[in-house]
Amino acid sequence: MINGQIEFYDEDSEWGLIRGDDNHLYELRSAQLPAPRVGDKVLFEPQHAAGAPRAVAVRRLRSAPAPIDLRRGGVRT
């Protein structure tokens, strides 16, 4: 098992990338982790696959902090 962090996730394609603590990138599919968000800390099993290594048996260790709404500072549109 390897610790890592979600670096990229596209909701439309349900595909993303995890950067492992070994500094390699691993492919993530949403079926491996419900509602993944960039910045989530995860634990996963690396799996070799054609094209790129995959992350399987992914578990969220810590959720990413909530995004900051920069418009809240009194900015009006």
PDB file of N, CA and C in Angstrom:
ATOM      1  N   MET A   1       0.845  -1.186   0.000  1.00  0.00           N
ATOM      2  CA  MET A   1       0.000   0.000   0.000  1.00  0.00           C
ATOM      3  C   MET A   1       0.884   1.240   0.000  1.00  0.00           C
ATOM      4  N   ILE A   2       0.408   2.256  -0.698  1.00  0.00           N
ATOM      5  CA  ILE A   2       1.137   3.519  -0.832  1.00  0.00           C
ATOM      6  C   ILE A   2       0.210   4.664  -0.428  1.00  0.00           C
ATOM      7  N   ASN A   3       0.754   5.649   0.267  1.00  0.00           N
ATOM      8  CA  ASN A   3       0.030   6.892   0.534  1.00  0.00           C
ATOM      9  C   ASN A   3       0.180   7.799  -0.672  1.00  0.00           C
ATOM     10  N   GLY A   4      -0.803   8.664  -0.887  1.00  0.00           N
ATOM     11  CA  GLY A   4      -0.716   9.612  -1.985  1.00  0.00           C
ATOM     12  C   GLY A   4      -1.739  10.724  -1.837  1.00  0.00           C
ATOM     13  N   GLN A   5      -1.801  11.549  -2.866  1.00  0.00           N
ATOM     14  CA  GLN A   5      -2.738  12.680  -2.885  1.00  0.00           C
ATOM     15  C   GLN A   5      -3.310  12.802  -4.291  1.00  0.00           C
ATOM     16  N   ILE A   6      -4.606  13.084  -4.379  1.00  0.00           N
ATOM     17  CA  ILE A   6      -5.233  13.272  -5.685  1.00  0.00           C
ATOM     18  C   ILE A   6      -4.744  14.589  -6.264  1.00  0.00           C
ATOM     19  N   GLU A   7      -4.114  14.500  -7.421  1.00  0.00           N
ATOM     20  CA  GLU A   7      -3.533  15.665  -8.091  1.00  0.00           C
ATOM     21  C   GLU A   7      -4.491  16.269  -9.113  1.00  0.00           C
ATOM     22  N   PHE A   8      -5.292  15.413  -9.760  1.00  0.00           N
ATOM     23  CA  PHE A   8      -6.186  15.864 -10.820  1.00  0.00           C
ATOM     24  C   PHE A   8      -7.403  14.950 -10.810  1.00  0.00           C
ATOM     25  N   TYR A   9      -8.585  15.534 -11.047  1.00  0.00           N
ATOM     26  CA  TYR A   9      -9.780  14.719 -11.213  1.00  0.00           C
ATOM     27  C   TYR A   9     -10.765  15.453 -12.098  1.00  0.00           C
ATOM     28  N   ASP A  10     -11.268  14.765 -13.133  1.00  0.00           N
ATOM     29  CA  ASP A  10     -12.245  15.330 -14.052  1.00  0.00           C
ATOM     30  C   ASP A  10     -13.582  14.629 -13.817  1.00  0.00           C
ATOM     31  N   GLU A  11     -14.568  15.361 -13.310  1.00  0.00           N
ATOM     32  CA  GLU A  11     -15.863  14.771 -12.983  1.00  0.00           C
ATOM     33  C   GLU A  11     -16.585  14.232 -14.211  1.00  0.00           C
ATOM     34  N   ASP A  12     -16.465  14.915 -15.347  1.00  0.00           N
ATOM     35  CA  ASP A  12     -17.171  14.482 -16.561  1.00  0.00           C
ATOM     36  C   ASP A  12     -16.711  13.099 -17.025  1.00  0.00           C
ATOM     37  N   SER A  13     -15.415  12.869 -17.031  1.00  0.00           N
ATOM     38  CA  SER A  13     -14.891  11.580 -17.491  1.00  0.00           C
ATOM     39  C   SER A  13     -14.702  10.590 -16.341  1.00  0.00           C
ATOM     40  N   GLU A  14     -14.866  11.064 -15.104  1.00  0.00           N
ATOM     41  CA  GLU A  14     -14.677  10.245 -13.900  1.00  0.00           C
ATOM     42  C   GLU A  14     -13.288   9.596 -13.871  1.00  0.00           C
ATOM     43  N   TRP A  15     -12.298  10.390 -14.223  1.00  0.00           N
ATOM     44  CA  TRP A  15     -10.913   9.931 -14.323  1.00  0.00           C
ATOM     45  C   TRP A  15      -9.998  10.937 -13.642  1.00  0.00           C
ATOM     46  N   GLY A  16      -8.950  10.431 -12.999  1.00  0.00           N
ATOM     47  CA  GLY A  16      -8.024  11.344 -12.347  1.00  0.00           C
ATOM     48  C   GLY A  16      -6.664  10.714 -12.144  1.00  0.00           C
ATOM     49  N   LEU A  17      -5.818  11.455 -11.432  1.00  0.00           N
ATOM     50  CA  LEU A  17      -4.458  11.008 -11.150  1.00  0.00           C
ATOM     51  C   LEU A  17      -4.145  11.181  -9.668  1.00  0.00           C
ATOM     52  N   ILE A  18      -3.453  10.195  -9.131  1.00  0.00           N
ATOM     53  CA  ILE A  18      -2.951  10.257  -7.771  1.00  0.00           C
ATOM     54  C   ILE A  18      -1.437  10.311  -7.852  1.00  0.00           C
ATOM     55  N   ARG A  19      -0.820  11.229  -7.093  1.00  0.00           N
ATOM     56  CA  ARG A  19       0.637  11.234  -6.976  1.00  0.00           C
ATOM     57  C   ARG A  19       0.972  10.481  -5.686  1.00  0.00           C
ATOM     58  N   GLY A  20       1.651   9.353  -5.864  1.00  0.00           N
ATOM     59  CA  GLY A  20       2.037   8.549  -4.715  1.00  0.00           C
ATOM     60  C   GLY A  20       3.216   9.158  -3.980  1.00  0.00           C
ATOM     61  N   ASP A  21       3.416   8.713  -2.747  1.00  0.00           N
ATOM     62  CA  ASP A  21       4.575   9.164  -1.983  1.00  0.00           C
ATOM     63  C   ASP A  21       5.883   8.760  -2.652  1.00  0.00           C
ATOM     64  N   ASP A  22       5.801   7.811  -3.603  1.00  0.00           N
ATOM     65  CA  ASP A  22       6.986   7.418  -4.371  1.00  0.00           C
ATOM     66  C   ASP A  22       7.223   8.360  -5.549  1.00  0.00           C
ATOM     67  N   ASN A  23       6.397   9.422  -5.662  1.00  0.00           N
ATOM     68  CA  ASN A  23       6.472  10.467  -6.682  1.00  0.00           C
ATOM     69  C   ASN A  23       6.042   9.993  -8.072  1.00  0.00           C
ATOM     70  N   HIS A  24       5.406   8.837  -8.189  1.00  0.00           N
ATOM     71  CA  HIS A  24       4.860   8.365  -9.462  1.00  0.00           C
ATOM     72  C   HIS A  24       3.380   8.727  -9.540  1.00  0.00           C
ATOM     73  N   LEU A  25       2.865   8.816 -10.772  1.00  0.00           N
ATOM     74  CA  LEU A  25       1.445   9.082 -10.984  1.00  0.00           C
ATOM     75  C   LEU A  25       0.711   7.773 -11.235  1.00  0.00           C
ATOM     76  N   TYR A  26      -0.494   7.676 -10.663  1.00  0.00           N
ATOM     77  CA  TYR A  26      -1.325   6.491 -10.802  1.00  0.00           C
ATOM     78  C   TYR A  26      -2.712   6.914 -11.256  1.00  0.00           C
ATOM     79  N   GLU A  27      -3.263   6.178 -12.209  1.00  0.00           N
ATOM     80  CA  GLU A  27      -4.586   6.465 -12.745  1.00  0.00           C
ATOM     81  C   GLU A  27      -5.656   6.118 -11.718  1.00  0.00           C
ATOM     82  N   LEU A  28      -6.658   6.986 -11.616  1.00  0.00           N
ATOM     83  CA  LEU A  28      -7.768   6.804 -10.686  1.00  0.00           C
ATOM     84  C   LEU A  28      -9.072   6.833 -11.455  1.00  0.00           C
ATOM     85  N   ARG A  29      -9.944   5.886 -11.186  1.00  0.00           N
ATOM     86  CA  ARG A  29     -11.315   5.886 -11.703  1.00  0.00           C
ATOM     87  C   ARG A  29     -12.256   6.103 -10.533  1.00  0.00           C
ATOM     88  N   SER A  30     -13.352   6.824 -10.759  1.00  0.00           N
ATOM     89  CA  SER A  30     -14.256   7.156  -9.658  1.00  0.00           C
ATOM     90  C   SER A  30     -14.830   5.915  -8.992  1.00  0.00           C
ATOM     91  N   ALA A  31     -14.890   4.789  -9.688  1.00  0.00           N
ATOM     92  CA  ALA A  31     -15.402   3.558  -9.084  1.00  0.00           C
ATOM     93  C   ALA A  31     -14.507   3.110  -7.922  1.00  0.00           C
ATOM     94  N   GLN A  32     -13.254   3.569  -7.915  1.00  0.00           N
ATOM     95  CA  GLN A  32     -12.320   3.202  -6.859  1.00  0.00           C
ATOM     96  C   GLN A  32     -12.518   4.032  -5.590  1.00  0.00           C
ATOM     97  N   LEU A  33     -13.114   5.211  -5.725  1.00  0.00           N
ATOM     98  CA  LEU A  33     -13.284   6.115  -4.583  1.00  0.00           C
ATOM     99  C   LEU A  33     -14.470   7.035  -4.850  1.00  0.00           C
ATOM    100  N   PRO A  34     -15.522   6.961  -4.031  1.00  0.00           N
ATOM    101  CA  PRO A  34     -16.661   7.841  -4.254  1.00  0.00           C
ATOM    102  C   PRO A  34     -16.306   9.316  -4.048  1.00  0.00           C
ATOM    103  N   ALA A  35     -16.764  10.156  -4.940  1.00  0.00           N
ATOM    104  CA  ALA A  35     -16.609  11.617  -4.856  1.00  0.00           C
ATOM    105  C   ALA A  35     -15.180  12.075  -4.573  1.00  0.00           C
ATOM    106  N   PRO A  36     -14.207  11.655  -5.398  1.00  0.00           N
ATOM    107  CA  PRO A  36     -12.834  12.124  -5.175  1.00  0.00           C
ATOM    108  C   PRO A  36     -12.704  13.619  -5.445  1.00  0.00           C
ATOM    109  N   ARG A  37     -11.811  14.269  -4.680  1.00  0.00           N
ATOM    110  CA  ARG A  37     -11.541  15.704  -4.866  1.00  0.00           C
ATOM    111  C   ARG A  37     -10.035  15.923  -4.874  1.00  0.00           C
ATOM    112  N   VAL A  38      -9.604  16.874  -5.681  1.00  0.00           N
ATOM    113  CA  VAL A  38      -8.186  17.235  -5.705  1.00  0.00           C
ATOM    114  C   VAL A  38      -7.774  17.643  -4.288  1.00  0.00           C
ATOM    115  N   GLY A  39      -6.670  17.084  -3.835  1.00  0.00           N
ATOM    116  CA  GLY A  39      -6.166  17.381  -2.508  1.00  0.00           C
ATOM    117  C   GLY A  39      -6.475  16.304  -1.483  1.00  0.00           C
ATOM    118  N   ASP A  40      -7.412  15.388  -1.789  1.00  0.00           N
ATOM    119  CA  ASP A  40      -7.694  14.291  -0.859  1.00  0.00           C
ATOM    120  C   ASP A  40      -6.428  13.471  -0.644  1.00  0.00           C
ATOM    121  N   LYS A  41      -6.158  13.118   0.601  1.00  0.00           N
ATOM    122  CA  LYS A  41      -5.067  12.201   0.933  1.00  0.00           C
ATOM    123  C   LYS A  41      -5.640  10.797   0.899  1.00  0.00           C
ATOM    124  N   VAL A  42      -4.946   9.874   0.239  1.00  0.00           N
ATOM    125  CA  VAL A  42      -5.467   8.531   0.050  1.00  0.00           C
ATOM    126  C   VAL A  42      -4.401   7.470   0.325  1.00  0.00           C
ATOM    127  N   LEU A  43      -4.881   6.257   0.513  1.00  0.00           N
ATOM    128  CA  LEU A  43      -4.044   5.075   0.634  1.00  0.00           C
ATOM    129  C   LEU A  43      -4.517   4.135  -0.467  1.00  0.00           C
ATOM    130  N   PHE A  44      -3.600   3.542  -1.225  1.00  0.00           N
ATOM    131  CA  PHE A  44      -4.011   2.711  -2.352  1.00  0.00           C
ATOM    132  C   PHE A  44      -2.981   1.622  -2.629  1.00  0.00           C
ATOM    133  N   GLU A  45      -3.437   0.658  -3.416  1.00  0.00           N
ATOM    134  CA  GLU A  45      -2.576  -0.426  -3.872  1.00  0.00           C
ATOM    135  C   GLU A  45      -2.202  -0.129  -5.320  1.00  0.00           C
ATOM    136  N   PRO A  46      -0.912  -0.024  -5.642  1.00  0.00           N
ATOM    137  CA  PRO A  46      -0.515   0.207  -7.035  1.00  0.00           C
ATOM    138  C   PRO A  46      -0.692  -1.076  -7.850  1.00  0.00           C
ATOM    139  N   GLN A  47      -1.126  -0.915  -9.089  1.00  0.00           N
ATOM    140  CA  GLN A  47      -1.318  -2.061  -9.982  1.00  0.00           C
ATOM    141  C   GLN A  47      -0.725  -1.711 -11.340  1.00  0.00           C
ATOM    142  N   HIS A  48       0.132  -2.566 -11.834  1.00  0.00           N
ATOM    143  CA  HIS A  48       0.711  -2.324 -13.161  1.00  0.00           C
ATOM    144  C   HIS A  48      -0.346  -2.604 -14.217  1.00  0.00           C
ATOM    145  N   ALA A  49      -0.412  -1.740 -15.229  1.00  0.00           N
ATOM    146  CA  ALA A  49      -1.383  -1.880 -16.308  1.00  0.00           C
ATOM    147  C   ALA A  49      -0.775  -1.318 -17.579  1.00  0.00           C
ATOM    148  N   ALA A  50      -1.320  -1.735 -18.704  1.00  0.00           N
ATOM    149  CA  ALA A  50      -0.861  -1.195 -19.986  1.00  0.00           C
ATOM    150  C   ALA A  50      -1.140   0.301 -20.023  1.00  0.00           C
ATOM    151  N   GLY A  51      -0.179   1.068 -20.454  1.00  0.00           N
ATOM    152  CA  GLY A  51      -0.339   2.521 -20.543  1.00  0.00           C
ATOM    153  C   GLY A  51       0.197   3.241 -19.324  1.00  0.00           C
ATOM    154  N   ALA A  52      -0.452   3.053 -18.196  1.00  0.00           N
ATOM    155  CA  ALA A  52      -0.034   3.740 -16.970  1.00  0.00           C
ATOM    156  C   ALA A  52      -0.411   2.897 -15.764  1.00  0.00           C
ATOM    157  N   PRO A  53       0.350   2.996 -14.677  1.00  0.00           N
ATOM    158  CA  PRO A  53      -0.022   2.267 -13.471  1.00  0.00           C
ATOM    159  C   PRO A  53      -1.339   2.783 -12.908  1.00  0.00           C
ATOM    160  N   ARG A  54      -2.089   1.890 -12.281  1.00  0.00           N
ATOM    161  CA  ARG A  54      -3.391   2.247 -11.727  1.00  0.00           C
ATOM    162  C   ARG A  54      -3.375   2.167 -10.208  1.00  0.00           C
ATOM    163  N   ALA A  55      -4.290   2.909  -9.613  1.00  0.00           N
ATOM    164  CA  ALA A  55      -4.524   2.841  -8.175  1.00  0.00           C
ATOM    165  C   ALA A  55      -5.784   2.003  -7.962  1.00  0.00           C
ATOM    166  N   VAL A  56      -5.676   0.969  -7.146  1.00  0.00           N
ATOM    167  CA  VAL A  56      -6.840   0.151  -6.815  1.00  0.00           C
ATOM    168  C   VAL A  56      -6.948   0.082  -5.298  1.00  0.00           C
ATOM    169  N   ALA A  57      -8.110  -0.377  -4.822  1.00  0.00           N
ATOM    170  CA  ALA A  57      -8.372  -0.467  -3.378  1.00  0.00           C
ATOM    171  C   ALA A  57      -8.060   0.870  -2.697  1.00  0.00           C
ATOM    172  N   VAL A  58      -8.557   1.951  -3.281  1.00  0.00           N
ATOM    173  CA  VAL A  58      -8.269   3.303  -2.794  1.00  0.00           C
ATOM    174  C   VAL A  58      -9.147   3.625  -1.588  1.00  0.00           C
ATOM    175  N   ARG A  59      -8.517   4.142  -0.545  1.00  0.00           N
ATOM    176  CA  ARG A  59      -9.229   4.592   0.666  1.00  0.00           C
ATOM    177  C   ARG A  59      -8.839   6.029   0.963  1.00  0.00           C
ATOM    178  N   ARG A  60      -9.833   6.848   1.278  1.00  0.00           N
ATOM    179  CA  ARG A  60      -9.577   8.244   1.646  1.00  0.00           C
ATOM    180  C   ARG A  60      -9.075   8.278   3.091  1.00  0.00           C
ATOM    181  N   LEU A  61      -7.944   8.923   3.289  1.00  0.00           N
ATOM    182  CA  LEU A  61      -7.407   9.104   4.632  1.00  0.00           C
ATOM    183  C   LEU A  61      -7.834  10.436   5.221  1.00  0.00           C
ATOM    184  N   ARG A  62      -7.830  11.472   4.375  1.00  0.00           N
ATOM    185  CA  ARG A  62      -8.205  12.818   4.818  1.00  0.00           C
ATOM    186  C   ARG A  62      -8.755  13.574   3.617  1.00  0.00           C
ATOM    187  N   SER A  63      -9.905  14.189   3.805  1.00  0.00           N
ATOM    188  CA  SER A  63     -10.513  14.973   2.734  1.00  0.00           C
ATOM    189  C   SER A  63      -9.751  16.265   2.508  1.00  0.00           C
ATOM    190  N   ALA A  64      -9.800  16.721   1.286  1.00  0.00           N
ATOM    191  CA  ALA A  64      -9.205  18.012   0.944  1.00  0.00           C
ATOM    192  C   ALA A  64      -9.973  19.117   1.651  1.00  0.00           C
ATOM    193  N   PRO A  65      -9.303  20.209   2.000  1.00  0.00           N
ATOM    194  CA  PRO A  65     -10.031  21.336   2.598  1.00  0.00           C
ATOM    195  C   PRO A  65     -11.063  21.884   1.607  1.00  0.00           C
ATOM    196  N   ALA A  66     -12.131  22.425   2.137  1.00  0.00           N
ATOM    197  CA  ALA A  66     -13.171  23.011   1.290  1.00  0.00           C
ATOM    198  C   ALA A  66     -12.581  24.167   0.488  1.00  0.00           C
ATOM    199  N   PRO A  67     -13.016  24.318  -0.763  1.00  0.00           N
ATOM    200  CA  PRO A  67     -12.509  25.435  -1.566  1.00  0.00           C
ATOM    201  C   PRO A  67     -12.893  26.776  -0.954  1.00  0.00           C
ATOM    202  N   ILE A  68     -12.058  27.754  -1.148  1.00  0.00           N
ATOM    203  CA  ILE A  68     -12.303  29.101  -0.632  1.00  0.00           C
ATOM    204  C   ILE A  68     -13.079  29.895  -1.670  1.00  0.00           C
ATOM    205  N   ASP A  69     -14.155  30.532  -1.241  1.00  0.00           N
ATOM    206  CA  ASP A  69     -14.936  31.381  -2.133  1.00  0.00           C
ATOM    207  C   ASP A  69     -14.353  32.785  -2.065  1.00  0.00           C
ATOM    208  N   LEU A  70     -13.612  33.165  -3.083  1.00  0.00           N
ATOM    209  CA  LEU A  70     -12.947  34.471  -3.102  1.00  0.00           C
ATOM    210  C   LEU A  70     -13.934  35.614  -3.305  1.00  0.00           C
ATOM    211  N   ARG A  71     -15.156  35.306  -3.651  1.00  0.00           N
ATOM    212  CA  ARG A  71     -16.146  36.354  -3.879  1.00  0.00           C
ATOM    213  C   ARG A  71     -16.766  36.848  -2.585  1.00  0.00           C
ATOM    214  N   ARG A  72     -16.557  36.175  -1.484  1.00  0.00           N
ATOM    215  CA  ARG A  72     -17.228  36.529  -0.229  1.00  0.00           C
ATOM    216  C   ARG A  72     -16.726  37.829   0.384  1.00  0.00           C
ATOM    217  N   GLY A  73     -15.684  38.392  -0.055  1.00  0.00           N
ATOM    218  CA  GLY A  73     -15.114  39.577   0.568  1.00  0.00           C
ATOM    219  C   GLY A  73     -15.824  40.866   0.185  1.00  0.00           C
ATOM    220  N   GLY A  74     -17.092  40.792  -0.134  1.00  0.00           N
ATOM    221  CA  GLY A  74     -17.836  42.003  -0.477  1.00  0.00           C
ATOM    222  C   GLY A  74     -17.767  42.344  -1.948  1.00  0.00           C
ATOM    223  N   VAL A  75     -17.215  41.475  -2.733  1.00  0.00           N
ATOM    224  CA  VAL A  75     -17.153  41.720  -4.164  1.00  0.00           C
ATOM    225  C   VAL A  75     -18.531  41.488  -4.745  1.00  0.00           C
ATOM    226  N   ARG A  76     -19.039  42.436  -5.478  1.00  0.00           N
ATOM    227  CA  ARG A  76     -20.367  42.323  -6.081  1.00  0.00           C
ATOM    228  C   ARG A  76     -20.236  42.273  -7.593  1.00  0.00           C
ATOM    229  N   THR A  77     -21.110  41.529  -8.180  1.00  0.00           N
ATOM    230  CA  THR A  77     -21.102  41.456  -9.651  1.00  0.00           C
ATOM    231  C   THR A  77     -22.350  42.039 -10.221  1.00  0.00           C
TER     232      THR A  77
END
